[in-house]
């Protein structure tokens, strides 16, 4: 994982995207933030991109294809799987079925529910980014 690579944010709600970007700026995150409002564009970018990615934050409910379906596609693509990009779900939808699916059948590194409190969201994002900034992965 690149500590300095971009953060990929897959979120179809522009207000949520703006809030997450604002929080990351308040946390003094220097990484470029790349926003995709659908899984198809995000997948195409991930497949074609050669720059190391720091982390992927994905919503579950997205147009055309869900975040879960996107993660299946990533896990089935040998080149993308080999990149070992940290992938976390950050979604208002956190049903027990989605959480079970994410951990039982997918190689996700986290599943977080979007909170309603700005400071709680900021704390959660900081915790996730801090963890991944010191974590190691295969080269």
N, C-alpha and C. Protein backbone atom coordinates (compact mmCIF):
# COMPACT_ATOMS: atom_id res chain seq x y z
N UNK A 1 0.84 -1.18 0.00
CA UNK A 1 0.00 0.00 0.00
C UNK A 1 0.88 1.23 0.00
N UNK A 2 0.48 2.17 -0.78
CA UNK A 2 1.20 3.43 -0.80
C UNK A 2 0.62 4.36 0.24
N UNK A 3 1.46 4.83 1.13
CA UNK A 3 1.00 5.78 2.15
C UNK A 3 0.69 7.13 1.52
N UNK A 4 1.25 7.35 0.34
CA UNK A 4 1.13 8.66 -0.30
C UNK A 4 0.23 8.63 -1.53
N UNK A 5 -0.26 7.47 -1.90
CA UNK A 5 -1.12 7.37 -3.07
C UNK A 5 -2.48 7.98 -2.81
N UNK A 6 -3.27 8.07 -3.86
CA UNK A 6 -4.60 8.66 -3.71
C UNK A 6 -5.55 7.80 -2.88
N UNK A 7 -6.53 8.47 -2.33
CA UNK A 7 -7.64 7.83 -1.64
C UNK A 7 -8.79 7.79 -2.65
N UNK A 8 -9.33 6.60 -2.89
CA UNK A 8 -10.45 6.44 -3.80
C UNK A 8 -11.73 6.42 -2.98
N UNK A 9 -12.62 7.32 -3.29
CA UNK A 9 -13.89 7.47 -2.60
C UNK A 9 -15.01 7.15 -3.59
N UNK A 10 -15.77 6.09 -3.30
CA UNK A 10 -16.86 5.69 -4.18
C UNK A 10 -18.16 5.97 -3.43
N UNK A 11 -18.79 7.05 -3.82
CA UNK A 11 -19.95 7.58 -3.08
C UNK A 11 -20.84 8.33 -4.06
N UNK A 12 -22.12 7.97 -4.13
CA UNK A 12 -23.01 8.63 -5.06
C UNK A 12 -23.71 9.86 -4.48
N UNK A 13 -23.64 10.04 -3.18
CA UNK A 13 -24.25 11.21 -2.55
C UNK A 13 -23.20 12.32 -2.47
N UNK A 14 -23.41 13.37 -3.24
CA UNK A 14 -22.41 14.44 -3.31
C UNK A 14 -22.22 15.15 -1.97
N UNK A 15 -23.29 15.29 -1.18
CA UNK A 15 -23.15 15.90 0.14
C UNK A 15 -22.26 15.06 1.05
N UNK A 16 -22.44 13.74 1.02
CA UNK A 16 -21.58 12.86 1.82
C UNK A 16 -20.14 12.94 1.32
N UNK A 17 -19.97 12.96 0.02
CA UNK A 17 -18.62 13.09 -0.54
C UNK A 17 -17.98 14.37 -0.07
N UNK A 18 -18.70 15.50 -0.18
CA UNK A 18 -18.14 16.79 0.24
C UNK A 18 -17.76 16.78 1.72
N UNK A 19 -18.60 16.16 2.55
CA UNK A 19 -18.31 16.10 3.98
C UNK A 19 -17.05 15.27 4.24
N UNK A 20 -16.91 14.13 3.57
CA UNK A 20 -15.74 13.29 3.77
C UNK A 20 -14.47 13.99 3.31
N UNK A 21 -14.55 14.68 2.19
CA UNK A 21 -13.39 15.43 1.70
C UNK A 21 -13.03 16.54 2.69
N UNK A 22 -14.04 17.24 3.19
CA UNK A 22 -13.80 18.30 4.19
C UNK A 22 -13.13 17.72 5.44
N UNK A 23 -13.62 16.59 5.91
CA UNK A 23 -13.04 15.95 7.10
C UNK A 23 -11.58 15.58 6.83
N UNK A 24 -11.31 15.02 5.68
CA UNK A 24 -9.93 14.64 5.36
C UNK A 24 -9.02 15.85 5.30
N UNK A 25 -9.54 16.96 4.80
CA UNK A 25 -8.74 18.19 4.76
C UNK A 25 -8.51 18.71 6.19
N UNK A 26 -9.54 18.64 7.04
CA UNK A 26 -9.38 19.05 8.44
C UNK A 26 -8.36 18.17 9.16
N UNK A 27 -8.28 16.91 8.76
CA UNK A 27 -7.32 15.99 9.34
C UNK A 27 -5.92 16.15 8.72
N UNK A 28 -5.82 17.10 7.82
CA UNK A 28 -4.54 17.41 7.16
C UNK A 28 -4.05 16.24 6.30
N UNK A 29 -4.97 15.51 5.70
CA UNK A 29 -4.62 14.43 4.79
C UNK A 29 -4.06 15.04 3.52
N UNK A 30 -2.87 14.63 3.14
CA UNK A 30 -2.20 15.20 1.96
C UNK A 30 -2.50 14.41 0.69
N UNK A 31 -3.02 13.20 0.84
CA UNK A 31 -3.29 12.36 -0.32
C UNK A 31 -4.34 13.01 -1.23
N UNK A 32 -4.16 12.81 -2.51
CA UNK A 32 -5.16 13.23 -3.48
C UNK A 32 -6.40 12.37 -3.25
N UNK A 33 -7.58 12.95 -3.38
CA UNK A 33 -8.83 12.21 -3.21
C UNK A 33 -9.51 12.12 -4.58
N UNK A 34 -9.75 10.90 -5.00
CA UNK A 34 -10.41 10.66 -6.28
C UNK A 34 -11.81 10.16 -6.01
N UNK A 35 -12.80 10.87 -6.55
CA UNK A 35 -14.20 10.55 -6.28
C UNK A 35 -14.85 9.93 -7.50
N UNK A 36 -15.58 8.84 -7.25
CA UNK A 36 -16.38 8.19 -8.27
C UNK A 36 -17.79 8.02 -7.72
N UNK A 37 -18.79 8.33 -8.54
CA UNK A 37 -20.16 8.21 -8.08
C UNK A 37 -20.82 6.91 -8.52
N UNK A 38 -20.03 6.01 -9.13
CA UNK A 38 -20.55 4.70 -9.52
C UNK A 38 -19.41 3.70 -9.58
N UNK A 39 -19.76 2.43 -9.48
CA UNK A 39 -18.76 1.37 -9.41
C UNK A 39 -18.08 1.09 -10.73
N UNK A 40 -18.80 1.26 -11.82
CA UNK A 40 -18.20 0.96 -13.13
C UNK A 40 -17.02 1.88 -13.41
N UNK A 41 -17.20 3.18 -13.19
CA UNK A 41 -16.09 4.12 -13.42
C UNK A 41 -14.95 3.85 -12.45
N UNK A 42 -15.27 3.54 -11.20
CA UNK A 42 -14.24 3.25 -10.21
C UNK A 42 -13.46 1.99 -10.62
N UNK A 43 -14.15 0.95 -11.02
CA UNK A 43 -13.48 -0.29 -11.43
C UNK A 43 -12.57 -0.04 -12.63
N UNK A 44 -13.07 0.67 -13.62
CA UNK A 44 -12.24 0.96 -14.81
C UNK A 44 -10.99 1.73 -14.42
N UNK A 45 -11.14 2.70 -13.53
CA UNK A 45 -9.98 3.45 -13.07
C UNK A 45 -8.99 2.52 -12.36
N UNK A 46 -9.49 1.72 -11.42
CA UNK A 46 -8.61 0.83 -10.66
C UNK A 46 -7.89 -0.15 -11.57
N UNK A 47 -8.58 -0.65 -12.55
CA UNK A 47 -7.99 -1.61 -13.49
C UNK A 47 -6.91 -0.97 -14.35
N UNK A 48 -7.15 0.26 -14.80
CA UNK A 48 -6.22 0.92 -15.72
C UNK A 48 -5.13 1.71 -15.02
N UNK A 49 -5.31 2.01 -13.77
CA UNK A 49 -4.39 2.86 -13.03
C UNK A 49 -3.08 2.12 -12.70
N UNK A 50 -1.98 2.82 -12.80
CA UNK A 50 -0.69 2.23 -12.42
C UNK A 50 -0.14 2.84 -11.14
N UNK A 51 -0.73 3.91 -10.68
CA UNK A 51 -0.28 4.57 -9.46
C UNK A 51 -0.79 3.80 -8.24
N UNK A 52 0.07 3.55 -7.24
CA UNK A 52 -0.40 2.86 -6.03
C UNK A 52 -1.50 3.66 -5.33
N UNK A 53 -2.51 2.96 -4.85
CA UNK A 53 -3.65 3.56 -4.16
C UNK A 53 -3.46 3.37 -2.65
N UNK A 54 -3.76 4.40 -1.87
CA UNK A 54 -3.65 4.30 -0.41
C UNK A 54 -4.78 3.46 0.17
N UNK A 55 -6.03 3.79 -0.17
CA UNK A 55 -7.19 3.08 0.38
C UNK A 55 -8.42 3.38 -0.48
N UNK A 56 -9.36 2.45 -0.46
CA UNK A 56 -10.66 2.64 -1.12
C UNK A 56 -11.73 2.69 -0.03
N UNK A 57 -12.53 3.76 -0.05
CA UNK A 57 -13.74 3.86 0.77
C UNK A 57 -14.92 3.69 -0.18
N UNK A 58 -15.79 2.73 0.08
CA UNK A 58 -16.92 2.51 -0.82
C UNK A 58 -18.23 2.45 -0.06
N UNK A 59 -19.22 3.11 -0.63
CA UNK A 59 -20.59 2.97 -0.16
C UNK A 59 -21.09 1.60 -0.61
N UNK A 60 -22.21 1.15 -0.07
CA UNK A 60 -22.83 -0.11 -0.49
C UNK A 60 -23.83 0.14 -1.61
N UNK A 61 -24.80 1.02 -1.35
CA UNK A 61 -25.87 1.28 -2.32
C UNK A 61 -25.41 2.34 -3.31
N UNK A 62 -25.14 1.87 -4.52
CA UNK A 62 -24.67 2.76 -5.58
C UNK A 62 -25.46 2.47 -6.85
N UNK A 63 -25.51 3.42 -7.79
CA UNK A 63 -26.27 3.18 -9.02
C UNK A 63 -25.63 2.08 -9.87
N UNK A 64 -26.46 1.32 -10.53
CA UNK A 64 -26.10 0.26 -11.47
C UNK A 64 -25.51 -0.96 -10.79
N UNK A 65 -24.50 -0.78 -9.97
CA UNK A 65 -23.80 -1.89 -9.34
C UNK A 65 -23.50 -1.51 -7.89
N UNK A 66 -23.71 -2.43 -6.97
CA UNK A 66 -23.47 -2.14 -5.56
C UNK A 66 -21.98 -2.20 -5.23
N UNK A 67 -21.64 -1.65 -4.08
CA UNK A 67 -20.27 -1.73 -3.60
C UNK A 67 -19.83 -3.18 -3.40
N UNK A 68 -20.76 -4.02 -2.98
CA UNK A 68 -20.45 -5.45 -2.79
C UNK A 68 -20.10 -6.09 -4.14
N UNK A 69 -20.89 -5.77 -5.17
CA UNK A 69 -20.59 -6.30 -6.50
C UNK A 69 -19.24 -5.80 -7.00
N UNK A 70 -18.92 -4.54 -6.72
CA UNK A 70 -17.62 -4.01 -7.10
C UNK A 70 -16.50 -4.79 -6.42
N UNK A 71 -16.65 -5.06 -5.13
CA UNK A 71 -15.59 -5.79 -4.42
C UNK A 71 -15.45 -7.20 -4.97
N UNK A 72 -16.55 -7.84 -5.35
CA UNK A 72 -16.46 -9.15 -6.02
C UNK A 72 -15.62 -9.02 -7.29
N UNK A 73 -15.89 -8.00 -8.09
CA UNK A 73 -15.15 -7.81 -9.34
C UNK A 73 -13.65 -7.62 -9.06
N UNK A 74 -13.33 -6.83 -8.05
CA UNK A 74 -11.92 -6.61 -7.71
C UNK A 74 -11.28 -7.92 -7.27
N UNK A 75 -11.96 -8.68 -6.44
CA UNK A 75 -11.40 -9.94 -5.95
C UNK A 75 -11.23 -10.98 -7.06
N UNK A 76 -12.04 -10.88 -8.12
CA UNK A 76 -11.94 -11.83 -9.23
C UNK A 76 -10.90 -11.41 -10.27
N UNK A 77 -10.39 -10.21 -10.17
CA UNK A 77 -9.40 -9.70 -11.13
C UNK A 77 -8.00 -9.93 -10.55
N UNK A 78 -7.22 -10.88 -11.09
CA UNK A 78 -5.92 -11.21 -10.49
C UNK A 78 -4.98 -10.00 -10.36
N UNK A 79 -4.98 -9.13 -11.34
CA UNK A 79 -4.08 -7.96 -11.27
C UNK A 79 -4.51 -7.01 -10.16
N UNK A 80 -5.81 -6.77 -10.02
CA UNK A 80 -6.29 -5.89 -8.95
C UNK A 80 -6.11 -6.54 -7.59
N UNK A 81 -6.39 -7.80 -7.49
CA UNK A 81 -6.24 -8.49 -6.20
C UNK A 81 -4.79 -8.43 -5.73
N UNK A 82 -3.86 -8.59 -6.66
CA UNK A 82 -2.43 -8.57 -6.32
C UNK A 82 -1.99 -7.21 -5.77
N UNK A 83 -2.68 -6.14 -6.15
CA UNK A 83 -2.32 -4.80 -5.66
C UNK A 83 -2.57 -4.65 -4.16
N UNK A 84 -3.39 -5.52 -3.57
CA UNK A 84 -3.69 -5.50 -2.13
C UNK A 84 -4.09 -4.11 -1.64
N UNK A 85 -5.00 -3.47 -2.35
CA UNK A 85 -5.47 -2.14 -1.96
C UNK A 85 -6.44 -2.29 -0.79
N UNK A 86 -6.17 -1.64 0.33
CA UNK A 86 -7.14 -1.70 1.43
C UNK A 86 -8.51 -1.21 0.97
N UNK A 87 -9.54 -1.98 1.29
CA UNK A 87 -10.90 -1.70 0.85
C UNK A 87 -11.80 -1.73 2.06
N UNK A 88 -12.44 -0.60 2.34
CA UNK A 88 -13.38 -0.54 3.45
C UNK A 88 -14.73 -0.03 2.96
N UNK A 89 -15.78 -0.62 3.51
CA UNK A 89 -17.11 -0.11 3.26
C UNK A 89 -17.39 0.97 4.29
N UNK A 90 -17.91 2.09 3.81
CA UNK A 90 -18.33 3.19 4.69
C UNK A 90 -19.69 3.61 4.19
N UNK A 91 -20.73 3.14 4.86
CA UNK A 91 -22.07 3.22 4.29
C UNK A 91 -23.13 3.44 5.35
N UNK A 92 -24.22 4.10 4.95
CA UNK A 92 -25.37 4.21 5.84
C UNK A 92 -26.07 2.86 5.94
N UNK A 93 -25.90 2.04 4.91
CA UNK A 93 -26.48 0.71 4.90
C UNK A 93 -25.48 -0.25 5.55
N UNK A 94 -25.82 -0.74 6.70
CA UNK A 94 -24.95 -1.68 7.40
C UNK A 94 -25.79 -2.82 7.96
N UNK A 95 -26.58 -3.43 7.08
CA UNK A 95 -27.42 -4.54 7.52
C UNK A 95 -26.53 -5.72 7.89
N UNK A 96 -27.03 -6.58 8.74
CA UNK A 96 -26.24 -7.74 9.14
C UNK A 96 -25.93 -8.62 7.93
N UNK A 97 -26.84 -8.66 6.94
CA UNK A 97 -26.60 -9.44 5.73
C UNK A 97 -25.42 -8.88 4.94
N UNK A 98 -25.37 -7.55 4.80
CA UNK A 98 -24.26 -6.92 4.07
C UNK A 98 -22.94 -7.13 4.80
N UNK A 99 -22.96 -6.98 6.11
CA UNK A 99 -21.73 -7.17 6.89
C UNK A 99 -21.27 -8.62 6.77
N UNK A 100 -22.19 -9.57 6.90
CA UNK A 100 -21.85 -10.99 6.76
C UNK A 100 -21.27 -11.28 5.38
N UNK A 101 -21.91 -10.75 4.35
CA UNK A 101 -21.44 -10.95 2.98
C UNK A 101 -20.04 -10.39 2.79
N UNK A 102 -19.81 -9.21 3.31
CA UNK A 102 -18.52 -8.54 3.14
C UNK A 102 -17.39 -9.35 3.78
N UNK A 103 -17.63 -9.91 4.95
CA UNK A 103 -16.57 -10.64 5.65
C UNK A 103 -16.51 -12.12 5.29
N UNK A 104 -17.63 -12.71 4.91
CA UNK A 104 -17.64 -14.14 4.60
C UNK A 104 -17.14 -14.45 3.21
N UNK A 105 -17.49 -13.59 2.26
CA UNK A 105 -17.21 -13.91 0.86
C UNK A 105 -16.28 -12.93 0.16
N UNK A 106 -15.92 -11.87 0.84
CA UNK A 106 -15.06 -10.86 0.22
C UNK A 106 -13.86 -10.59 1.11
N UNK A 107 -12.83 -10.06 0.52
CA UNK A 107 -11.64 -9.73 1.31
C UNK A 107 -11.63 -8.25 1.66
N UNK A 108 -12.64 -7.83 2.42
CA UNK A 108 -12.68 -6.43 2.86
C UNK A 108 -11.85 -6.27 4.12
N UNK A 109 -11.38 -5.07 4.34
CA UNK A 109 -10.57 -4.80 5.52
C UNK A 109 -11.33 -3.98 6.56
N UNK A 110 -12.58 -3.71 6.32
CA UNK A 110 -13.38 -2.99 7.29
C UNK A 110 -14.76 -2.70 6.77
N UNK A 111 -15.69 -2.57 7.71
CA UNK A 111 -17.07 -2.21 7.38
C UNK A 111 -17.52 -1.23 8.46
N UNK A 112 -17.76 0.00 8.05
CA UNK A 112 -18.10 1.05 9.00
C UNK A 112 -19.41 1.70 8.61
N UNK A 113 -20.22 1.98 9.60
CA UNK A 113 -21.51 2.64 9.38
C UNK A 113 -21.30 4.15 9.49
N UNK A 114 -21.85 4.86 8.52
CA UNK A 114 -21.80 6.32 8.58
C UNK A 114 -22.62 6.78 9.78
N UNK A 115 -22.00 7.54 10.60
CA UNK A 115 -22.69 8.08 11.77
C UNK A 115 -23.38 9.39 11.39
N UNK A 116 -24.25 9.88 12.27
CA UNK A 116 -24.94 11.14 12.02
C UNK A 116 -24.20 12.34 12.59
N UNK A 117 -23.27 12.09 13.49
CA UNK A 117 -22.54 13.16 14.17
C UNK A 117 -21.22 13.43 13.44
N UNK A 118 -21.00 14.68 13.05
CA UNK A 118 -19.81 15.07 12.29
C UNK A 118 -18.54 14.68 13.03
N UNK A 119 -18.46 14.95 14.32
CA UNK A 119 -17.24 14.64 15.07
C UNK A 119 -17.00 13.14 15.16
N UNK A 120 -18.06 12.36 15.25
CA UNK A 120 -17.91 10.90 15.26
C UNK A 120 -17.39 10.41 13.91
N UNK A 121 -17.91 10.96 12.84
CA UNK A 121 -17.44 10.60 11.51
C UNK A 121 -15.96 10.94 11.39
N UNK A 122 -15.60 12.13 11.84
CA UNK A 122 -14.20 12.57 11.77
C UNK A 122 -13.29 11.64 12.57
N UNK A 123 -13.72 11.24 13.75
CA UNK A 123 -12.94 10.31 14.58
C UNK A 123 -12.78 8.97 13.87
N UNK A 124 -13.86 8.47 13.29
CA UNK A 124 -13.80 7.19 12.58
C UNK A 124 -12.86 7.25 11.38
N UNK A 125 -12.97 8.30 10.60
CA UNK A 125 -12.10 8.44 9.42
C UNK A 125 -10.65 8.54 9.86
N UNK A 126 -10.38 9.31 10.89
CA UNK A 126 -9.01 9.44 11.40
C UNK A 126 -8.47 8.08 11.85
N UNK A 127 -9.28 7.32 12.55
CA UNK A 127 -8.85 6.00 13.02
C UNK A 127 -8.52 5.08 11.85
N UNK A 128 -9.37 5.07 10.85
CA UNK A 128 -9.15 4.22 9.67
C UNK A 128 -7.86 4.63 8.97
N UNK A 129 -7.70 5.93 8.71
CA UNK A 129 -6.51 6.40 8.00
C UNK A 129 -5.23 6.20 8.82
N UNK A 130 -5.30 6.42 10.12
CA UNK A 130 -4.13 6.19 10.97
C UNK A 130 -3.71 4.72 10.92
N UNK A 131 -4.68 3.84 11.03
CA UNK A 131 -4.38 2.40 10.99
C UNK A 131 -3.67 2.04 9.69
N UNK A 132 -4.23 2.47 8.56
CA UNK A 132 -3.67 2.07 7.27
C UNK A 132 -2.36 2.79 6.96
N UNK A 133 -2.11 3.90 7.61
CA UNK A 133 -0.84 4.59 7.36
C UNK A 133 0.33 3.87 8.04
N UNK A 134 0.06 3.01 9.04
CA UNK A 134 1.16 2.27 9.68
C UNK A 134 1.12 0.77 9.35
N UNK A 135 0.05 0.31 8.71
CA UNK A 135 -0.07 -1.10 8.36
C UNK A 135 0.85 -1.44 7.18
N UNK A 136 1.30 -2.67 7.15
CA UNK A 136 2.13 -3.14 6.04
C UNK A 136 1.31 -4.13 5.21
N UNK A 137 1.72 -4.28 3.97
CA UNK A 137 1.06 -5.22 3.07
C UNK A 137 2.10 -5.88 2.18
N UNK A 138 1.73 -6.95 1.51
CA UNK A 138 2.69 -7.61 0.62
C UNK A 138 3.10 -6.67 -0.51
N UNK A 139 4.30 -6.84 -0.97
CA UNK A 139 4.79 -6.01 -2.08
C UNK A 139 4.60 -6.75 -3.38
